[in-house]
Amino acid sequence: MPTQGFALFDTSIGRCGLAWGPGGLIGLQLPEATPGAAWGRLRRRFPEAVECEPPPEVEAVIERIRDLLSGGRDDLADVPLDLGGQSAFNLRVYAIARAIAPGETTTYGEVAKAMGEPGAARAVGKALGENPWPIVVPCHRVLPASGGIGGFSAPGGGTTKARLLTLEKAKTDAVPTLFDLEFSVAPPRGR
């Protein structure tokens, strides 16, 4: 059994990849634009990882990710991550991001404020751009305070981020969405 492994798997947004080691997940790869590109990127990011069948605990994570990407509400907060090689600042950012529930969003500034560093919004954005576990550490749920989607370092950029937020039915600004509206075709009875 290899020390590090990786596997590709199909989801509602395309072919993703997951890499793992003895300490937990070492990375997650979102779909790429061309076939084979996700495999190539995983090989470059994790040269010691061997493509293989995932062990049962990793297969369970894959199924949970598939479910989330199909509109499920799993926050994946209990998925073990191998945190080696991450800076203390990034780890603090990732811990706060993992607490954001599916369908919810926050801003880079709010994450910085929660860390006790209210002027560090750009550094928060940089840390999220270095996130090796998108989806599991839901960096897509952090938006700019000025509105809009903001940046996203995964393949597809802001389009991928918007798609992930749409799958989660997240509200991204003050404009109500169809998910927020309650329709009534007739007045309630008894009035």
N, C-alpha and C. Protein backbone atom coordinates (compact mmCIF):
# COMPACT_ATOMS: atom_id res chain seq x y z
N MET A 1 0.85 -1.19 0.00
CA MET A 1 0.00 0.00 0.00
C MET A 1 0.89 1.25 0.00
N PRO A 2 0.67 2.17 -0.93
CA PRO A 2 1.50 3.37 -0.99
C PRO A 2 1.26 4.29 0.20
N THR A 3 2.27 5.10 0.53
CA THR A 3 2.13 6.07 1.62
C THR A 3 1.14 7.15 1.24
N GLN A 4 1.19 7.60 -0.02
CA GLN A 4 0.25 8.59 -0.53
C GLN A 4 -0.42 8.02 -1.76
N GLY A 5 -1.72 8.31 -1.90
CA GLY A 5 -2.46 7.85 -3.05
C GLY A 5 -3.33 8.95 -3.61
N PHE A 6 -3.82 8.72 -4.81
CA PHE A 6 -4.81 9.64 -5.38
C PHE A 6 -5.75 8.87 -6.28
N ALA A 7 -6.94 9.44 -6.46
CA ALA A 7 -7.95 8.84 -7.33
C ALA A 7 -8.76 9.96 -7.96
N LEU A 8 -9.19 9.72 -9.18
CA LEU A 8 -10.11 10.62 -9.87
C LEU A 8 -11.51 10.06 -9.75
N PHE A 9 -12.51 10.96 -9.72
CA PHE A 9 -13.90 10.51 -9.59
C PHE A 9 -14.81 11.54 -10.25
N ASP A 10 -15.90 11.04 -10.80
CA ASP A 10 -16.86 11.90 -11.49
C ASP A 10 -17.84 12.51 -10.51
N THR A 11 -18.20 13.77 -10.77
CA THR A 11 -19.19 14.49 -9.97
C THR A 11 -20.12 15.25 -10.92
N SER A 12 -21.09 15.92 -10.38
CA SER A 12 -22.02 16.71 -11.18
C SER A 12 -21.35 17.90 -11.87
N ILE A 13 -20.16 18.30 -11.40
CA ILE A 13 -19.47 19.43 -12.04
C ILE A 13 -18.30 18.98 -12.91
N GLY A 14 -18.06 17.69 -12.96
CA GLY A 14 -16.95 17.16 -13.76
C GLY A 14 -16.08 16.22 -12.95
N ARG A 15 -14.96 15.87 -13.55
CA ARG A 15 -14.03 14.90 -12.94
C ARG A 15 -13.13 15.60 -11.93
N CYS A 16 -13.25 15.20 -10.68
CA CYS A 16 -12.44 15.74 -9.58
C CYS A 16 -11.38 14.70 -9.19
N GLY A 17 -10.45 15.12 -8.38
CA GLY A 17 -9.43 14.22 -7.87
C GLY A 17 -9.20 14.46 -6.39
N LEU A 18 -8.82 13.40 -5.70
CA LEU A 18 -8.55 13.48 -4.28
C LEU A 18 -7.24 12.77 -4.00
N ALA A 19 -6.37 13.41 -3.22
CA ALA A 19 -5.09 12.81 -2.83
C ALA A 19 -5.07 12.69 -1.31
N TRP A 20 -4.49 11.60 -0.82
CA TRP A 20 -4.48 11.35 0.62
C TRP A 20 -3.15 10.75 1.05
N GLY A 21 -2.94 10.84 2.34
CA GLY A 21 -1.76 10.25 2.97
C GLY A 21 -2.15 9.74 4.34
N PRO A 22 -1.19 9.29 5.14
CA PRO A 22 -1.51 8.73 6.46
C PRO A 22 -2.19 9.71 7.40
N GLY A 23 -1.96 11.03 7.21
CA GLY A 23 -2.55 12.03 8.10
C GLY A 23 -3.87 12.59 7.62
N GLY A 24 -4.41 12.10 6.52
CA GLY A 24 -5.67 12.62 5.99
C GLY A 24 -5.49 13.08 4.55
N LEU A 25 -6.45 13.87 4.10
CA LEU A 25 -6.40 14.38 2.73
C LEU A 25 -5.23 15.34 2.57
N ILE A 26 -4.49 15.20 1.47
CA ILE A 26 -3.40 16.14 1.19
C ILE A 26 -3.79 17.11 0.09
N GLY A 27 -4.87 16.81 -0.64
CA GLY A 27 -5.31 17.74 -1.66
C GLY A 27 -6.57 17.28 -2.37
N LEU A 28 -7.26 18.24 -2.95
CA LEU A 28 -8.44 17.98 -3.76
C LEU A 28 -8.28 18.77 -5.05
N GLN A 29 -8.60 18.15 -6.15
CA GLN A 29 -8.48 18.78 -7.46
C GLN A 29 -9.87 18.95 -8.06
N LEU A 30 -10.23 20.18 -8.41
CA LEU A 30 -11.48 20.44 -9.10
C LEU A 30 -11.30 20.14 -10.58
N PRO A 31 -12.40 19.99 -11.32
CA PRO A 31 -12.29 19.64 -12.74
C PRO A 31 -11.48 20.65 -13.54
N GLU A 32 -10.80 20.14 -14.54
CA GLU A 32 -10.03 20.95 -15.48
C GLU A 32 -10.79 21.04 -16.79
N ALA A 33 -10.36 21.91 -17.68
CA ALA A 33 -11.05 22.14 -18.95
C ALA A 33 -10.85 21.00 -19.95
N THR A 34 -9.74 20.30 -19.87
CA THR A 34 -9.47 19.25 -20.85
C THR A 34 -9.31 17.90 -20.16
N PRO A 35 -9.69 16.82 -20.87
CA PRO A 35 -9.53 15.48 -20.28
C PRO A 35 -8.05 15.22 -19.95
N GLY A 36 -7.83 14.60 -18.83
CA GLY A 36 -6.46 14.25 -18.42
C GLY A 36 -5.75 15.35 -17.67
N ALA A 37 -6.24 16.58 -17.72
CA ALA A 37 -5.54 17.69 -17.06
C ALA A 37 -5.60 17.57 -15.54
N ALA A 38 -6.72 17.11 -14.99
CA ALA A 38 -6.80 16.94 -13.53
C ALA A 38 -5.81 15.89 -13.07
N TRP A 39 -5.68 14.79 -13.83
CA TRP A 39 -4.72 13.75 -13.50
C TRP A 39 -3.30 14.34 -13.51
N GLY A 40 -2.98 15.09 -14.55
CA GLY A 40 -1.65 15.69 -14.67
C GLY A 40 -1.34 16.66 -13.54
N ARG A 41 -2.33 17.46 -13.17
CA ARG A 41 -2.11 18.42 -12.07
C ARG A 41 -1.91 17.69 -10.75
N LEU A 42 -2.67 16.65 -10.48
CA LEU A 42 -2.48 15.86 -9.26
C LEU A 42 -1.08 15.25 -9.22
N ARG A 43 -0.62 14.73 -10.35
CA ARG A 43 0.73 14.13 -10.41
C ARG A 43 1.80 15.18 -10.12
N ARG A 44 1.62 16.39 -10.63
CA ARG A 44 2.61 17.47 -10.37
C ARG A 44 2.55 17.93 -8.92
N ARG A 45 1.35 18.08 -8.38
CA ARG A 45 1.19 18.57 -7.01
C ARG A 45 1.67 17.54 -5.99
N PHE A 46 1.45 16.26 -6.28
CA PHE A 46 1.75 15.19 -5.32
C PHE A 46 2.56 14.09 -6.02
N PRO A 47 3.82 14.38 -6.32
CA PRO A 47 4.61 13.42 -7.10
C PRO A 47 4.84 12.07 -6.41
N GLU A 48 4.71 12.02 -5.09
CA GLU A 48 4.90 10.75 -4.38
C GLU A 48 3.61 9.93 -4.30
N ALA A 49 2.48 10.54 -4.68
CA ALA A 49 1.21 9.83 -4.62
C ALA A 49 1.07 8.88 -5.80
N VAL A 50 0.49 7.73 -5.53
CA VAL A 50 0.30 6.69 -6.53
C VAL A 50 -1.20 6.58 -6.82
N GLU A 51 -1.56 6.57 -8.10
CA GLU A 51 -2.98 6.39 -8.44
C GLU A 51 -3.39 4.98 -8.04
N CYS A 52 -4.46 4.89 -7.24
CA CYS A 52 -4.91 3.59 -6.74
C CYS A 52 -6.36 3.67 -6.28
N GLU A 53 -6.91 2.53 -5.96
CA GLU A 53 -8.25 2.49 -5.39
C GLU A 53 -8.21 3.14 -4.01
N PRO A 54 -9.14 4.04 -3.74
CA PRO A 54 -9.13 4.67 -2.42
C PRO A 54 -9.53 3.69 -1.31
N PRO A 55 -8.89 3.84 -0.14
CA PRO A 55 -9.32 3.02 0.99
C PRO A 55 -10.76 3.41 1.38
N PRO A 56 -11.45 2.57 2.13
CA PRO A 56 -12.86 2.82 2.45
C PRO A 56 -13.14 4.20 3.04
N GLU A 57 -12.26 4.68 3.92
CA GLU A 57 -12.52 6.00 4.53
C GLU A 57 -12.41 7.13 3.50
N VAL A 58 -11.55 6.98 2.52
CA VAL A 58 -11.43 7.99 1.45
C VAL A 58 -12.61 7.84 0.48
N GLU A 59 -13.01 6.62 0.19
CA GLU A 59 -14.18 6.40 -0.68
C GLU A 59 -15.41 7.05 -0.05
N ALA A 60 -15.54 6.98 1.27
CA ALA A 60 -16.67 7.62 1.96
C ALA A 60 -16.63 9.14 1.77
N VAL A 61 -15.43 9.73 1.81
CA VAL A 61 -15.29 11.18 1.58
C VAL A 61 -15.68 11.51 0.13
N ILE A 62 -15.25 10.69 -0.81
CA ILE A 62 -15.60 10.91 -2.21
C ILE A 62 -17.12 10.93 -2.38
N GLU A 63 -17.81 9.98 -1.76
CA GLU A 63 -19.27 9.93 -1.86
C GLU A 63 -19.91 11.18 -1.23
N ARG A 64 -19.35 11.65 -0.14
CA ARG A 64 -19.88 12.86 0.51
C ARG A 64 -19.65 14.09 -0.38
N ILE A 65 -18.51 14.16 -1.05
CA ILE A 65 -18.24 15.27 -1.97
C ILE A 65 -19.21 15.21 -3.15
N ARG A 66 -19.41 14.03 -3.70
CA ARG A 66 -20.38 13.87 -4.80
C ARG A 66 -21.76 14.36 -4.37
N ASP A 67 -22.17 13.98 -3.17
CA ASP A 67 -23.47 14.39 -2.67
C ASP A 67 -23.55 15.91 -2.52
N LEU A 68 -22.52 16.51 -1.95
CA LEU A 68 -22.50 17.97 -1.78
C LEU A 68 -22.59 18.66 -3.14
N LEU A 69 -21.85 18.16 -4.13
CA LEU A 69 -21.85 18.76 -5.45
C LEU A 69 -23.12 18.46 -6.25
N SER A 70 -24.00 17.67 -5.66
CA SER A 70 -25.31 17.41 -6.27
C SER A 70 -26.42 18.11 -5.49
N GLY A 71 -26.03 19.07 -4.64
CA GLY A 71 -27.02 19.84 -3.89
C GLY A 71 -27.20 19.43 -2.45
N GLY A 72 -26.38 18.48 -1.96
CA GLY A 72 -26.47 18.06 -0.57
C GLY A 72 -26.01 19.16 0.38
N ARG A 73 -26.16 18.95 1.67
CA ARG A 73 -25.86 19.98 2.67
C ARG A 73 -24.74 19.58 3.63
N ASP A 74 -23.94 18.59 3.31
CA ASP A 74 -22.85 18.13 4.17
C ASP A 74 -21.77 19.21 4.22
N ASP A 75 -21.34 19.59 5.42
CA ASP A 75 -20.30 20.62 5.53
C ASP A 75 -18.88 20.04 5.46
N LEU A 76 -18.75 18.73 5.50
CA LEU A 76 -17.45 18.05 5.39
C LEU A 76 -16.46 18.48 6.48
N ALA A 77 -16.95 19.11 7.54
CA ALA A 77 -16.08 19.67 8.57
C ALA A 77 -15.30 18.62 9.36
N ASP A 78 -15.75 17.37 9.34
CA ASP A 78 -15.06 16.33 10.09
C ASP A 78 -14.08 15.53 9.24
N VAL A 79 -13.93 15.88 7.96
CA VAL A 79 -13.01 15.16 7.09
C VAL A 79 -11.58 15.46 7.53
N PRO A 80 -10.78 14.44 7.85
CA PRO A 80 -9.41 14.69 8.30
C PRO A 80 -8.52 15.21 7.18
N LEU A 81 -7.76 16.25 7.50
CA LEU A 81 -6.83 16.86 6.56
C LEU A 81 -5.41 16.72 7.09
N ASP A 82 -4.48 16.47 6.20
CA ASP A 82 -3.06 16.49 6.55
C ASP A 82 -2.62 17.94 6.47
N LEU A 83 -2.40 18.56 7.62
CA LEU A 83 -2.14 20.00 7.69
C LEU A 83 -0.66 20.34 7.57
N GLY A 84 0.18 19.36 7.35
CA GLY A 84 1.62 19.60 7.24
C GLY A 84 1.95 20.56 6.13
N GLY A 85 2.91 21.42 6.38
CA GLY A 85 3.37 22.37 5.38
C GLY A 85 2.56 23.64 5.28
N GLN A 86 1.51 23.78 6.08
CA GLN A 86 0.68 24.98 6.04
C GLN A 86 1.14 25.98 7.10
N SER A 87 1.10 27.25 6.76
CA SER A 87 1.49 28.28 7.73
C SER A 87 0.41 28.40 8.81
N ALA A 88 0.80 28.92 9.96
CA ALA A 88 -0.14 29.12 11.06
C ALA A 88 -1.27 30.05 10.63
N PHE A 89 -0.95 31.10 9.87
CA PHE A 89 -1.98 32.03 9.39
C PHE A 89 -2.99 31.29 8.51
N ASN A 90 -2.50 30.52 7.53
CA ASN A 90 -3.39 29.79 6.64
C ASN A 90 -4.27 28.82 7.41
N LEU A 91 -3.71 28.14 8.40
CA LEU A 91 -4.49 27.19 9.19
C LEU A 91 -5.63 27.89 9.92
N ARG A 92 -5.39 29.09 10.41
CA ARG A 92 -6.46 29.86 11.08
C ARG A 92 -7.54 30.23 10.08
N VAL A 93 -7.14 30.65 8.87
CA VAL A 93 -8.12 31.00 7.82
C VAL A 93 -8.94 29.76 7.47
N TYR A 94 -8.27 28.62 7.27
CA TYR A 94 -8.97 27.41 6.87
C TYR A 94 -9.95 26.94 7.94
N ALA A 95 -9.58 27.08 9.21
CA ALA A 95 -10.48 26.67 10.29
C ALA A 95 -11.76 27.51 10.27
N ILE A 96 -11.63 28.80 10.03
CA ILE A 96 -12.82 29.66 9.96
C ILE A 96 -13.64 29.32 8.72
N ALA A 97 -12.99 29.11 7.59
CA ALA A 97 -13.71 28.77 6.36
C ALA A 97 -14.47 27.46 6.52
N ARG A 98 -13.89 26.50 7.21
CA ARG A 98 -14.57 25.20 7.38
C ARG A 98 -15.83 25.32 8.22
N ALA A 99 -15.96 26.38 8.97
CA ALA A 99 -17.15 26.57 9.80
C ALA A 99 -18.30 27.23 9.03
N ILE A 100 -18.08 27.62 7.78
CA ILE A 100 -19.14 28.24 6.97
C ILE A 100 -20.00 27.12 6.38
N ALA A 101 -21.26 27.11 6.73
CA ALA A 101 -22.16 26.04 6.29
C ALA A 101 -22.48 26.14 4.80
N PRO A 102 -22.80 25.02 4.18
CA PRO A 102 -23.23 25.07 2.78
C PRO A 102 -24.42 26.03 2.62
N GLY A 103 -24.37 26.83 1.57
CA GLY A 103 -25.42 27.81 1.32
C GLY A 103 -25.20 29.14 2.00
N GLU A 104 -24.23 29.21 2.89
CA GLU A 104 -23.89 30.46 3.59
C GLU A 104 -22.64 31.05 2.97
N THR A 105 -22.47 32.35 3.12
CA THR A 105 -21.26 33.01 2.66
C THR A 105 -20.81 34.02 3.71
N THR A 106 -19.57 34.44 3.58
CA THR A 106 -19.01 35.50 4.41
C THR A 106 -18.05 36.27 3.52
N THR A 107 -17.39 37.27 4.08
CA THR A 107 -16.45 38.07 3.29
C THR A 107 -15.02 37.84 3.79
N TYR A 108 -14.07 38.21 2.94
CA TYR A 108 -12.66 38.13 3.33
C TYR A 108 -12.43 38.96 4.59
N GLY A 109 -13.04 40.14 4.64
CA GLY A 109 -12.90 41.02 5.81
C GLY A 109 -13.48 40.42 7.08
N GLU A 110 -14.61 39.73 6.95
CA GLU A 110 -15.21 39.11 8.12
C GLU A 110 -14.34 37.97 8.64
N VAL A 111 -13.71 37.22 7.74
CA VAL A 111 -12.78 36.17 8.17
C VAL A 111 -11.61 36.81 8.91
N ALA A 112 -11.05 37.89 8.34
CA ALA A 112 -9.93 38.58 8.98
C ALA A 112 -10.33 39.09 10.37
N LYS A 113 -11.52 39.66 10.48
CA LYS A 113 -12.00 40.16 11.77
C LYS A 113 -12.16 39.02 12.77
N ALA A 114 -12.69 37.87 12.31
CA ALA A 114 -12.85 36.72 13.20
C ALA A 114 -11.51 36.20 13.70
N MET A 115 -10.44 36.45 12.92
CA MET A 115 -9.09 36.04 13.32
C MET A 115 -8.46 37.05 14.27
N GLY A 116 -9.13 38.19 14.48
CA GLY A 116 -8.56 39.25 15.29
C GLY A 116 -7.58 40.11 14.51
N GLU A 117 -7.63 40.04 13.18
CA GLU A 117 -6.75 40.82 12.31
C GLU A 117 -7.59 41.53 11.25
N PRO A 118 -8.36 42.56 11.68
CA PRO A 118 -9.33 43.18 10.77
C PRO A 118 -8.73 43.80 9.50
N GLY A 119 -7.46 44.06 9.46
CA GLY A 119 -6.85 44.64 8.26
C GLY A 119 -6.26 43.61 7.32
N ALA A 120 -6.52 42.34 7.55
CA ALA A 120 -5.84 41.28 6.81
C ALA A 120 -6.70 40.63 5.72
N ALA A 121 -7.69 41.35 5.18
CA ALA A 121 -8.58 40.75 4.18
C ALA A 121 -7.81 40.24 2.96
N ARG A 122 -6.82 41.00 2.49
CA ARG A 122 -6.04 40.54 1.32
C ARG A 122 -5.24 39.28 1.65
N ALA A 123 -4.68 39.24 2.85
CA ALA A 123 -3.92 38.06 3.27
C ALA A 123 -4.84 36.84 3.38
N VAL A 124 -6.08 37.06 3.81
CA VAL A 124 -7.07 35.99 3.86
C VAL A 124 -7.33 35.48 2.44
N GLY A 125 -7.51 36.40 1.49
CA GLY A 125 -7.71 36.00 0.10
C GLY A 125 -6.53 35.21 -0.44
N LYS A 126 -5.32 35.63 -0.10
CA LYS A 126 -4.13 34.90 -0.55
C LYS A 126 -4.10 33.49 0.04
N ALA A 127 -4.41 33.38 1.33
CA ALA A 127 -4.44 32.06 1.98
C ALA A 127 -5.48 31.16 1.32
N LEU A 128 -6.65 31.69 1.02
CA LEU A 128 -7.69 30.89 0.39
C LEU A 128 -7.28 30.50 -1.03
N GLY A 129 -6.52 31.35 -1.70
CA GLY A 129 -6.00 31.02 -3.03
C GLY A 129 -4.99 29.88 -3.00
N GLU A 130 -4.40 29.63 -1.83
CA GLU A 130 -3.42 28.54 -1.67
C GLU A 130 -4.06 27.28 -1.09
N ASN A 131 -5.35 27.30 -0.87
CA ASN A 131 -6.08 26.21 -0.26
C ASN A 131 -5.91 24.91 -1.06
N PRO A 132 -5.30 23.88 -0.48
CA PRO A 132 -5.13 22.63 -1.21
C PRO A 132 -6.37 21.73 -1.23
N TRP A 133 -7.40 22.10 -0.46
CA TRP A 133 -8.60 21.27 -0.32
C TRP A 133 -9.88 22.01 -0.67
N PRO A 134 -10.01 22.62 -1.86
CA PRO A 134 -11.27 23.30 -2.16
C PRO A 134 -12.44 22.31 -2.02
N ILE A 135 -13.56 22.80 -1.66
CA ILE A 135 -14.78 22.08 -1.33
C ILE A 135 -14.73 21.64 0.13
N VAL A 136 -13.70 20.90 0.55
CA VAL A 136 -13.59 20.46 1.94
C VAL A 136 -13.29 21.67 2.83
N VAL A 137 -12.37 22.52 2.40
CA VAL A 137 -12.19 23.85 3.01
C VAL A 137 -12.87 24.79 2.01
N PRO A 138 -14.12 25.19 2.30
CA PRO A 138 -14.96 25.84 1.30
C PRO A 138 -14.60 27.30 1.03
N CYS A 139 -13.47 27.49 0.38
CA CYS A 139 -13.02 28.84 0.05
C CYS A 139 -13.99 29.55 -0.89
N HIS A 140 -14.80 28.80 -1.62
CA HIS A 140 -15.78 29.40 -2.53
C HIS A 140 -16.87 30.15 -1.78
N ARG A 141 -17.00 29.93 -0.48
CA ARG A 141 -18.04 30.60 0.32
C ARG A 141 -17.57 31.94 0.88
N VAL A 142 -16.36 32.37 0.51
CA VAL A 142 -15.83 33.65 0.98
C VAL A 142 -15.81 34.61 -0.21
N LEU A 143 -16.46 35.75 -0.03
CA LEU A 143 -16.69 36.71 -1.11
C LEU A 143 -16.14 38.08 -0.75
N PRO A 144 -15.96 38.95 -1.74
CA PRO A 144 -15.54 40.32 -1.43
C PRO A 144 -16.69 41.13 -0.81
N ALA A 145 -16.35 42.04 0.07
CA ALA A 145 -17.35 42.88 0.72
C ALA A 145 -18.03 43.81 -0.28
N SER A 146 -17.36 44.09 -1.38
CA SER A 146 -17.91 45.02 -2.38
C SER A 146 -19.01 44.39 -3.23
N GLY A 147 -19.26 43.10 -3.03
CA GLY A 147 -20.26 42.40 -3.81
C GLY A 147 -19.61 41.58 -4.91
N GLY A 148 -20.39 40.76 -5.55
CA GLY A 148 -19.87 39.92 -6.61
C GLY A 148 -19.25 38.66 -6.07
N ILE A 149 -18.60 37.94 -6.96
CA ILE A 149 -18.03 36.64 -6.65
C ILE A 149 -16.59 36.74 -6.17
N GLY A 150 -15.82 37.63 -6.74
CA GLY A 150 -14.41 37.73 -6.40
C GLY A 150 -13.60 36.68 -7.14
N GLY A 151 -12.38 36.51 -6.75
CA GLY A 151 -11.49 35.58 -7.42
C GLY A 151 -11.67 34.15 -6.94
N PHE A 152 -11.11 33.23 -7.74
CA PHE A 152 -11.12 31.82 -7.38
C PHE A 152 -9.99 31.19 -8.15
N SER A 153 -9.06 30.57 -7.43
CA SER A 153 -7.84 30.07 -8.07
C SER A 153 -8.01 28.71 -8.74
N ALA A 154 -9.13 28.06 -8.54
CA ALA A 154 -9.36 26.76 -9.16
C ALA A 154 -9.63 26.92 -10.65
N PRO A 155 -9.48 25.85 -11.41
CA PRO A 155 -9.79 25.92 -12.84
C PRO A 155 -11.21 26.46 -13.06
N GLY A 156 -11.35 27.33 -14.02
CA GLY A 156 -12.65 27.95 -14.29
C GLY A 156 -12.86 29.25 -13.54
N GLY A 157 -11.99 29.55 -12.57
CA GLY A 157 -12.05 30.82 -11.85
C GLY A 157 -13.42 31.13 -11.26
N GLY A 158 -13.84 32.37 -11.45
CA GLY A 158 -15.10 32.86 -10.89
C GLY A 158 -16.31 32.09 -11.38
N THR A 159 -16.25 31.55 -12.59
CA THR A 159 -17.38 30.76 -13.11
C THR A 159 -17.56 29.50 -12.28
N THR A 160 -16.47 28.84 -11.93
CA THR A 160 -16.55 27.65 -11.09
C THR A 160 -17.06 28.02 -9.71
N LYS A 161 -16.57 29.12 -9.16
CA LYS A 161 -17.01 29.57 -7.84
C LYS A 161 -18.52 29.84 -7.85
N ALA A 162 -18.99 30.54 -8.87
CA ALA A 162 -20.42 30.85 -8.98
C ALA A 162 -21.23 29.56 -9.10
N ARG A 163 -20.72 28.60 -9.85
CA ARG A 163 -21.43 27.33 -10.02
C ARG A 163 -21.54 26.60 -8.69
N LEU A 164 -20.46 26.58 -7.92
CA LEU A 164 -20.49 25.93 -6.61
C LEU A 164 -21.50 26.60 -5.68
N LEU A 165 -21.52 27.92 -5.69
CA LEU A 165 -22.47 28.65 -4.84
C LEU A 165 -23.90 28.41 -5.30
N THR A 166 -24.12 28.32 -6.60
CA THR A 166 -25.46 28.03 -7.12
C THR A 166 -25.91 26.64 -6.70
N LEU A 167 -25.03 25.66 -6.78
CA LEU A 167 -25.37 24.30 -6.34
C LEU A 167 -25.79 24.28 -4.88
N GLU A 168 -25.18 25.15 -4.08
CA GLU A 168 -25.49 25.22 -2.65
C GLU A 168 -26.66 26.16 -2.36
N LYS A 169 -27.19 26.79 -3.41
CA LYS A 169 -28.29 27.76 -3.26
C LYS A 169 -27.89 28.90 -2.33
N ALA A 170 -26.64 29.34 -2.47
CA ALA A 170 -26.12 30.41 -1.61
C ALA A 170 -26.59 31.77 -2.13
N LYS A 171 -26.88 32.64 -1.22
CA LYS A 171 -27.23 34.02 -1.55
C LYS A 171 -25.93 34.81 -1.57
N THR A 172 -25.66 35.48 -2.68
CA THR A 172 -24.37 36.16 -2.82
C THR A 172 -24.45 37.67 -2.75
N ASP A 173 -25.64 38.23 -2.67
CA ASP A 173 -25.78 39.68 -2.50
C ASP A 173 -27.16 39.98 -1.95
N ALA A 174 -27.53 41.24 -1.90
CA ALA A 174 -28.79 41.64 -1.28
C ALA A 174 -30.01 41.39 -2.17
N VAL A 175 -29.81 41.01 -3.42
CA VAL A 175 -30.92 40.76 -4.33
C VAL A 175 -31.50 39.37 -4.03
N PRO A 176 -32.80 39.28 -3.76
CA PRO A 176 -33.36 37.96 -3.48
C PRO A 176 -33.32 37.07 -4.72
N THR A 177 -33.13 35.78 -4.48
CA THR A 177 -33.14 34.81 -5.56
C THR A 177 -34.48 34.09 -5.56
N LEU A 178 -34.72 33.26 -6.55
CA LEU A 178 -35.95 32.48 -6.57
C LEU A 178 -36.07 31.59 -5.35
N PHE A 179 -34.93 31.19 -4.78
CA PHE A 179 -34.96 30.34 -3.60
C PHE A 179 -35.45 31.10 -2.37
N ASP A 180 -35.37 32.43 -2.40
CA ASP A 180 -35.76 33.24 -1.25
C ASP A 180 -37.22 33.65 -1.27
N LEU A 181 -37.86 33.59 -2.42
CA LEU A 181 -39.21 34.10 -2.58
C LEU A 181 -40.24 33.06 -2.19
N GLU A 182 -41.30 33.52 -1.50
CA GLU A 182 -42.42 32.64 -1.19
C GLU A 182 -43.57 33.08 -2.06
N PHE A 183 -44.10 32.14 -2.80
CA PHE A 183 -45.19 32.45 -3.70
C PHE A 183 -46.51 31.99 -3.11
N SER A 184 -47.54 32.76 -3.34
CA SER A 184 -48.88 32.38 -2.91
C SER A 184 -49.82 32.70 -4.04
N VAL A 185 -50.60 31.73 -4.47
CA VAL A 185 -51.54 31.95 -5.55
C VAL A 185 -52.90 32.37 -5.05
N ALA A 186 -53.15 32.18 -3.78
CA ALA A 186 -54.42 32.59 -3.20
C ALA A 186 -54.18 33.04 -1.77
N PRO A 187 -55.01 33.97 -1.28
CA PRO A 187 -54.85 34.39 0.11
C PRO A 187 -55.15 33.22 1.05
N PRO A 188 -54.52 33.24 2.24
CA PRO A 188 -54.79 32.17 3.21
C PRO A 188 -56.28 32.09 3.54
N ARG A 189 -56.77 30.91 3.79
CA ARG A 189 -58.20 30.73 4.14
C ARG A 189 -58.49 31.33 5.51
N GLY A 190 -59.73 31.75 5.66
CA GLY A 190 -60.16 32.27 6.94
C GLY A 190 -59.91 33.75 7.11
N ARG A 191 -59.53 34.44 6.08
CA ARG A 191 -59.28 35.88 6.23
C ARG A 191 -60.28 36.65 5.46
